[in-house]
Amino acid sequence: MNRGINYYWRLLATGYNFAFFGIGGFLLALTALPLARLWPGSEQKKNERARRVIHHTFRYFVWQMRVTGVISLELRDIEKLRVSDGQLVIANHPTLIDVVLLLALLPKSCCVVKDALWKNPLLKGVVRATGYINNNADPEQLLRACDDTLRSGYSIIVFPEGTRTRAGQPLQFQRGASHIAVRCAANIVPVTIRCEPPMLRKGERWYQIPPRRAHIRVSAMDTMSVPDIVGECVVPALATRRLNRHLQSYYQGVCANA
């Protein structure tokens, strides 16, 4: 009996949190974010203020998911993540809320956002107001935006898979994250995210919740130096492929043993 009550409570709480996120994002784009950008300052300062709004909002949202019983959260070696300013933060992507978790943990962070969110009626105002980077931009323009962001002391969050991990399929990394790391000469802070039992995976609806509360573990790993991985390779395309193979192999091993 109690198990049934818990299940339906979590289903209701999950629906509430989804509605809160979607409607809240829309309202932020109409209120707090324009106000943050209205104050005088450079474009960079306006972006910084808007990103702080998102950071604190997402911190609240993660807290709300925890207290309503949708998830529990465990953080491991997170101090390695908190000193990632000016570095590339990469992570595997098992759930829909991975980017929310990382932005909530990183006060000075930006992210590379898929083009679909720039067209989403509820969230496009958020990504535009914060100066997040569109992954569909011209490649050179994207690299310039990443380099400027890293040099300004912000970390950049990237999911090398490009989309959420598909259940039962091996990790497949695209080269975008490695290309940014090579061309911008950025150190990499690897993060692993594990969700047990799985929820909000690729192809799943919000109401397809697991039989018990999902436990999410976010673990930060030691910083990686690109030259240590690619050696003396000076050809960017070759270095990118070498780095991407290394990262994919590394994550396949770490995620398999998590």
Protein backbone atom coordinates (compact mmCIF):
# COMPACT_ATOMS: atom_id res chain seq x y z
CA MET A 1 0.00 0.00 0.00
CA ASN A 2 2.73 2.47 1.02
CA ARG A 3 4.70 1.58 -2.10
CA GLY A 4 1.70 2.47 -4.28
CA ILE A 5 1.17 5.78 -2.49
CA ASN A 6 4.86 6.61 -2.90
CA TYR A 7 4.73 5.83 -6.61
CA TYR A 8 1.75 8.06 -7.28
CA TRP A 9 3.20 10.82 -5.13
CA ARG A 10 6.41 10.76 -7.17
CA LEU A 11 4.40 10.73 -10.40
CA LEU A 12 2.50 13.82 -9.24
CA ALA A 13 5.72 15.48 -8.03
CA THR A 14 7.47 14.73 -11.32
CA GLY A 15 4.62 16.31 -13.28
CA TYR A 16 4.70 19.35 -11.00
CA ASN A 17 8.46 19.76 -11.43
CA PHE A 18 8.21 19.46 -15.20
CA ALA A 19 5.50 22.11 -15.31
CA PHE A 20 7.48 24.31 -12.92
CA PHE A 21 10.57 24.05 -15.12
CA GLY A 22 8.81 24.82 -18.40
CA ILE A 23 6.59 27.63 -17.14
CA GLY A 24 9.35 28.95 -14.87
CA GLY A 25 11.77 29.19 -17.80
CA PHE A 26 9.21 31.12 -19.81
CA LEU A 27 8.54 33.52 -16.92
CA LEU A 28 12.26 34.01 -16.26
CA ALA A 29 12.70 35.06 -19.89
CA LEU A 30 9.97 37.68 -19.39
CA THR A 31 10.99 39.02 -15.97
CA ALA A 32 14.24 38.30 -14.11
CA LEU A 33 16.51 37.80 -17.12
CA PRO A 34 15.54 41.04 -18.91
CA LEU A 35 15.98 42.89 -15.60
CA ALA A 36 19.45 41.34 -15.17
CA ARG A 37 20.40 42.56 -18.64
CA LEU A 38 18.79 45.97 -18.22
CA TRP A 39 21.44 47.13 -15.74
CA PRO A 40 24.28 49.00 -17.52
CA GLY A 41 27.42 47.16 -18.49
CA SER A 42 29.16 45.33 -21.27
CA GLU A 43 27.60 42.36 -23.06
CA GLN A 44 29.84 40.09 -21.01
CA LYS A 45 28.62 41.64 -17.74
CA LYS A 46 25.01 41.27 -18.84
CA ASN A 47 25.59 37.62 -19.68
CA GLU A 48 27.26 37.08 -16.31
CA ARG A 49 24.29 38.51 -14.43
CA ALA A 50 21.83 36.42 -16.43
CA ARG A 51 23.90 33.27 -15.84
CA ARG A 52 23.92 33.91 -12.10
CA VAL A 53 20.11 34.05 -12.21
CA ILE A 54 20.06 30.67 -13.97
CA HIS A 55 22.58 29.17 -11.54
CA HIS A 56 20.53 30.13 -8.47
CA THR A 57 17.24 29.15 -10.13
CA PHE A 58 18.60 25.72 -11.03
CA ARG A 59 19.99 25.28 -7.52
CA TYR A 60 16.50 25.86 -6.21
CA PHE A 61 15.02 23.51 -8.81
CA VAL A 62 17.40 20.68 -7.85
CA TRP A 63 16.57 21.27 -4.17
CA GLN A 64 12.87 21.14 -5.04
CA MET A 65 13.24 17.81 -6.88
CA ARG A 66 15.00 16.41 -3.84
CA VAL A 67 12.51 17.57 -1.22
CA THR A 68 9.53 16.42 -3.31
CA GLY A 69 11.06 12.93 -3.50
CA VAL A 70 11.70 12.80 -7.26
CA ILE A 71 15.45 12.25 -6.86
CA SER A 72 18.17 11.86 -4.29
CA LEU A 73 21.57 13.34 -5.07
CA GLU A 74 25.10 12.27 -4.17
CA LEU A 75 28.15 14.39 -4.99
CA ARG A 76 31.63 12.87 -5.13
CA ASP A 77 34.91 14.82 -5.25
CA ILE A 78 32.90 17.84 -6.25
CA GLU A 79 35.65 20.21 -5.13
CA LYS A 80 37.45 19.27 -8.37
CA LEU A 81 34.49 20.69 -10.25
CA ARG A 82 34.30 23.87 -8.23
CA VAL A 83 37.78 24.93 -9.37
CA SER A 84 37.04 24.35 -13.07
CA ASP A 85 36.86 28.03 -14.07
CA GLY A 86 38.21 28.55 -17.58
CA GLN A 87 38.15 24.83 -18.35
CA LEU A 88 36.01 22.47 -20.41
CA VAL A 89 33.65 20.35 -18.30
CA ILE A 90 32.48 17.23 -20.10
CA ALA A 91 30.01 14.60 -18.89
CA ASN A 92 28.10 11.57 -20.02
CA HIS A 93 24.39 12.22 -20.49
CA PRO A 94 22.06 9.59 -18.96
CA THR A 95 19.13 11.86 -18.01
CA LEU A 96 17.24 14.91 -19.19
CA ILE A 97 18.26 16.96 -16.16
CA ASP A 98 22.06 16.53 -16.41
CA VAL A 99 22.67 20.09 -17.62
CA VAL A 100 20.43 21.43 -14.83
CA LEU A 101 22.54 19.58 -12.25
CA LEU A 102 25.85 20.87 -13.62
CA LEU A 103 24.70 24.48 -14.02
CA ALA A 104 23.38 24.33 -10.44
CA LEU A 105 26.80 23.14 -9.23
CA LEU A 106 28.89 25.63 -11.24
CA PRO A 107 28.37 29.34 -10.48
CA LYS A 108 30.65 30.45 -13.34
CA SER A 109 29.59 28.26 -16.22
CA CYS A 110 28.26 28.43 -19.74
CA CYS A 111 27.12 25.59 -21.96
CA VAL A 112 26.95 24.61 -25.59
CA VAL A 113 23.24 24.30 -26.35
CA LYS A 114 21.67 22.26 -29.12
CA ASP A 115 19.92 24.28 -31.79
CA ALA A 116 16.46 22.91 -30.90
CA LEU A 117 16.47 24.82 -27.59
CA TRP A 118 17.03 28.10 -29.45
CA LYS A 119 13.68 27.45 -31.11
CA ASN A 120 11.83 26.08 -28.06
CA PRO A 121 9.04 28.58 -27.19
CA LEU A 122 9.49 28.07 -23.44
CA LEU A 123 13.29 28.06 -23.24
CA LYS A 124 14.63 30.10 -26.16
CA GLY A 125 14.40 33.29 -24.10
CA VAL A 126 16.63 31.74 -21.43
CA VAL A 127 19.42 30.58 -23.76
CA ARG A 128 19.41 33.88 -25.66
CA ALA A 129 19.51 36.03 -22.51
CA THR A 130 22.44 34.13 -21.00
CA GLY A 131 24.68 34.12 -24.06
CA TYR A 132 24.89 30.33 -24.15
CA ILE A 133 26.60 28.96 -27.25
CA ASN A 134 24.57 27.53 -30.13
CA ASN A 135 26.07 24.25 -31.37
CA ASN A 136 24.63 24.97 -34.82
CA ALA A 137 26.67 28.14 -35.25
CA ASP A 138 29.36 28.50 -37.91
CA PRO A 139 32.29 26.35 -36.68
CA GLU A 140 34.76 29.25 -36.50
CA GLN A 141 32.19 31.45 -34.80
CA LEU A 142 31.49 28.68 -32.27
CA LEU A 143 35.20 28.29 -31.52
CA ARG A 144 35.63 32.04 -31.05
CA ALA A 145 32.68 32.11 -28.65
CA CYS A 146 34.13 29.16 -26.70
CA ASP A 147 37.59 30.72 -26.56
CA ASP A 148 36.21 34.07 -25.37
CA THR A 149 34.11 32.32 -22.72
CA LEU A 150 37.02 30.26 -21.40
CA ARG A 151 39.35 33.27 -21.34
CA SER A 152 36.77 35.21 -19.33
CA GLY A 153 37.09 32.57 -16.58
CA TYR A 154 33.91 30.64 -17.29
CA SER A 155 33.84 26.88 -17.63
CA ILE A 156 31.96 25.44 -20.60
CA ILE A 157 29.74 22.39 -20.15
CA VAL A 158 29.63 19.97 -23.09
CA PHE A 159 28.08 16.53 -23.48
CA PRO A 160 30.29 14.77 -26.05
CA GLU A 161 27.54 12.29 -26.96
CA GLY A 162 25.52 15.19 -28.34
CA THR A 163 22.31 13.69 -26.97
CA ARG A 164 21.20 11.50 -24.10
CA THR A 165 22.66 8.01 -23.84
CA ARG A 166 20.44 5.38 -25.42
CA ALA A 167 19.65 2.46 -23.12
CA GLY A 168 21.59 -0.67 -23.96
CA GLN A 169 23.87 1.04 -26.46
CA PRO A 170 27.58 1.85 -25.98
CA LEU A 171 28.71 5.43 -25.57
CA GLN A 172 29.47 7.15 -28.86
CA PHE A 173 31.25 10.49 -28.62
CA GLN A 174 31.04 13.11 -31.31
CA ARG A 175 34.17 15.18 -31.90
CA GLY A 176 32.76 18.58 -30.92
CA ALA A 177 34.05 18.61 -27.34
CA SER A 178 37.50 17.37 -28.39
CA HIS A 179 37.64 19.94 -31.18
CA ILE A 180 36.93 22.74 -28.70
CA ALA A 181 39.55 21.43 -26.26
CA VAL A 182 42.23 21.18 -28.96
CA ARG A 183 41.56 24.47 -30.71
CA CYS A 184 41.05 26.47 -27.51
CA ALA A 185 43.93 24.76 -25.65
CA ALA A 186 41.59 24.04 -22.75
CA ASN A 187 42.06 21.59 -19.91
CA ILE A 188 39.25 19.07 -19.46
CA VAL A 189 37.41 18.27 -16.24
CA PRO A 190 35.60 14.93 -16.72
CA VAL A 191 32.36 14.35 -14.83
CA THR A 192 30.41 11.11 -14.64
CA ILE A 193 26.69 11.02 -13.94
CA ARG A 194 24.95 7.83 -12.86
CA CYS A 195 21.20 7.48 -12.31
CA GLU A 196 19.85 4.36 -10.62
CA PRO A 197 17.19 3.29 -11.35
CA PRO A 198 17.22 5.06 -14.73
CA MET A 199 14.79 7.89 -15.42
CA LEU A 200 14.24 10.56 -18.08
CA ARG A 201 16.32 8.66 -20.62
CA LYS A 202 16.29 9.19 -24.36
CA GLY A 203 12.84 8.31 -25.71
CA GLU A 204 11.15 8.20 -22.30
CA ARG A 205 8.22 10.43 -21.31
CA TRP A 206 8.20 12.34 -18.05
CA TYR A 207 5.51 10.08 -16.61
CA GLN A 208 7.54 6.90 -17.17
CA ILE A 209 9.03 7.05 -13.70
CA PRO A 210 11.02 4.21 -12.08
CA PRO A 211 9.52 1.98 -9.36
CA ARG A 212 11.50 3.81 -6.67
CA ARG A 213 13.09 7.22 -6.27
CA ALA A 214 16.04 7.72 -8.62
CA HIS A 215 19.43 8.20 -7.01
CA ILE A 216 21.76 10.41 -9.05
CA ARG A 217 25.49 10.39 -8.39
CA VAL A 218 27.66 13.14 -9.83
CA SER A 219 31.41 12.44 -9.66
CA ALA A 220 34.19 14.82 -10.70
CA MET A 221 37.45 13.33 -11.95
CA ASP A 222 41.01 14.63 -12.13
CA THR A 223 41.66 17.36 -14.69
CA MET A 224 43.04 16.19 -18.03
CA SER A 225 45.66 18.09 -20.02
CA VAL A 226 45.20 17.82 -23.78
CA PRO A 227 48.98 17.77 -24.58
CA ASP A 228 49.39 14.85 -22.15
CA ILE A 229 46.90 12.88 -24.26
CA VAL A 230 47.69 13.89 -27.83
CA GLY A 231 51.46 14.19 -27.37
CA GLU A 232 53.34 16.32 -29.87
CA CYS A 233 50.64 16.08 -32.53
CA VAL A 234 50.29 19.54 -34.09
CA VAL A 235 47.64 18.76 -36.72
CA PRO A 236 44.32 19.85 -35.14
CA ALA A 237 42.17 17.27 -36.95
CA LEU A 238 44.46 14.40 -35.95
CA ALA A 239 44.76 15.66 -32.39
CA THR A 240 40.96 15.94 -32.18
CA ARG A 241 40.46 12.35 -33.32
CA ARG A 242 43.12 11.09 -30.90
CA LEU A 243 41.61 12.99 -27.98
CA ASN A 244 38.08 11.89 -28.84
CA ARG A 245 39.11 8.22 -28.94
CA HIS A 246 40.81 8.61 -25.57
CA LEU A 247 37.77 10.30 -23.96
CA GLN A 248 35.33 7.76 -25.36
CA SER A 249 37.46 4.84 -24.14
CA TYR A 250 37.90 6.53 -20.75
CA TYR A 251 34.18 7.00 -20.26
CA GLN A 252 33.31 3.53 -21.46
CA GLY A 253 35.59 2.15 -18.78
CA VAL A 254 34.51 4.50 -16.00
CA CYS A 255 30.78 4.17 -16.70
CA ALA A 256 31.01 0.38 -16.97
CA ASN A 257 32.64 0.21 -13.53
CA ALA A 258 30.52 2.90 -11.86
